[in-house]
């Protein structure tokens, strides 16, 4: 990866970390600590939204990884890229 691509990958990783915190960790922790039914419902909705967005995020990551200079040199496409050692 070029330095620019590494910076973009790092930025994407940070953005995903914020997304996990905003839609999973923080709402869930508030719901557990406060024991409020409203907060639990909000946390549950946000967790469902988070889970529903995982395939979209994976697709975006595949496209990004295949757009790198290294992947283009080797002709790797998003359909060929395996992000896990097992099938999902």
Protein backbone atom coordinates (compact mmCIF):
# COMPACT_ATOMS: atom_id res chain seq x y z
CA UNK A 1 0.00 0.00 0.00
CA UNK A 2 1.10 3.52 -0.64
CA UNK A 3 1.34 5.99 2.22
CA UNK A 4 -1.92 7.62 1.10
CA UNK A 5 -3.68 4.25 1.01
CA UNK A 6 -2.34 3.40 4.46
CA UNK A 7 -3.64 6.72 5.80
CA UNK A 8 -7.05 6.03 4.24
CA UNK A 9 -7.11 2.52 5.75
CA UNK A 10 -6.26 3.99 9.14
CA UNK A 11 -9.00 6.62 8.80
CA UNK A 12 -11.51 3.93 7.85
CA UNK A 13 -10.51 1.85 10.87
CA UNK A 14 -10.99 4.82 13.18
CA UNK A 15 -14.36 5.61 11.64
CA UNK A 16 -15.49 2.04 12.16
CA UNK A 17 -14.37 2.22 15.78
CA UNK A 18 -16.51 5.33 16.28
CA UNK A 19 -19.43 3.59 14.56
CA UNK A 20 -19.12 0.59 16.93
CA UNK A 21 -18.97 2.89 19.93
CA UNK A 22 -21.96 4.97 18.81
CA UNK A 23 -24.26 2.12 17.78
CA UNK A 24 -23.20 -0.66 20.13
CA UNK A 25 -20.90 -0.07 23.08
CA UNK A 26 -22.08 3.28 24.46
CA UNK A 27 -25.85 2.74 24.12
CA UNK A 28 -25.60 -0.77 25.52
CA UNK A 29 -23.52 0.32 28.49
CA UNK A 30 -25.90 3.20 29.29
CA UNK A 31 -28.89 0.85 29.07
CA UNK A 32 -27.28 -1.64 31.44
CA UNK A 33 -26.09 0.96 33.95
CA UNK A 34 -29.30 3.00 34.02
CA UNK A 35 -31.66 0.00 33.76
CA UNK A 36 -34.09 2.15 31.86
CA UNK A 37 -36.53 0.39 29.53
CA UNK A 38 -36.42 3.28 27.08
CA UNK A 39 -32.62 3.15 26.94
CA UNK A 40 -32.75 -0.62 26.49
CA UNK A 41 -35.13 -0.25 23.55
CA UNK A 42 -32.94 2.45 21.99
CA UNK A 43 -29.83 0.29 22.53
CA UNK A 44 -31.56 -2.72 20.98
CA UNK A 45 -32.60 -0.71 17.92
CA UNK A 46 -29.07 0.65 17.49
CA UNK A 47 -27.55 -2.83 17.83
CA UNK A 48 -29.93 -4.14 15.15
CA UNK A 49 -29.00 -1.22 12.89
CA UNK A 50 -25.31 -1.94 13.53
CA UNK A 51 -25.70 -5.61 12.63
CA UNK A 52 -27.74 -4.76 9.53
CA UNK A 53 -24.98 -2.41 8.33
CA UNK A 54 -22.15 -4.94 8.62
CA UNK A 55 -22.62 -6.35 5.07
CA UNK A 56 -22.61 -2.82 3.66
CA UNK A 57 -19.41 -1.99 5.55
CA UNK A 58 -17.73 -5.22 4.38
CA UNK A 59 -18.64 -4.44 0.76
CA UNK A 60 -17.17 -0.94 1.07
CA UNK A 61 -13.98 -2.34 2.62
CA UNK A 62 -13.59 -4.90 -0.16
CA UNK A 63 -13.93 -2.19 -2.79
CA UNK A 64 -11.39 -0.01 -1.01
CA UNK A 65 -8.88 -2.83 -0.59
CA UNK A 66 -9.22 -3.78 -4.26
CA UNK A 67 -8.66 -0.16 -5.30
CA UNK A 68 -5.16 -0.12 -3.79
CA UNK A 69 -2.15 -0.09 -6.08
CA UNK A 70 -1.08 -3.53 -4.87
CA UNK A 71 -4.48 -5.10 -5.67
CA UNK A 72 -4.76 -3.36 -9.04
CA UNK A 73 -1.30 -4.65 -10.05
CA UNK A 74 -2.50 -8.19 -9.35
CA UNK A 75 -5.96 -7.75 -10.87
CA UNK A 76 -7.77 -8.57 -7.63
CA UNK A 77 -11.49 -7.80 -7.68
CA UNK A 78 -13.87 -7.41 -4.71
CA UNK A 79 -15.57 -10.70 -5.66
CA UNK A 80 -12.24 -12.56 -5.42
CA UNK A 81 -11.16 -11.02 -2.13
CA UNK A 82 -11.67 -13.22 0.93
CA UNK A 83 -11.64 -11.22 4.14
CA UNK A 84 -12.01 -14.28 6.38
CA UNK A 85 -10.38 -17.69 6.35
CA UNK A 86 -13.85 -19.27 6.39
CA UNK A 87 -16.89 -18.69 4.23
CA UNK A 88 -19.54 -16.21 5.38
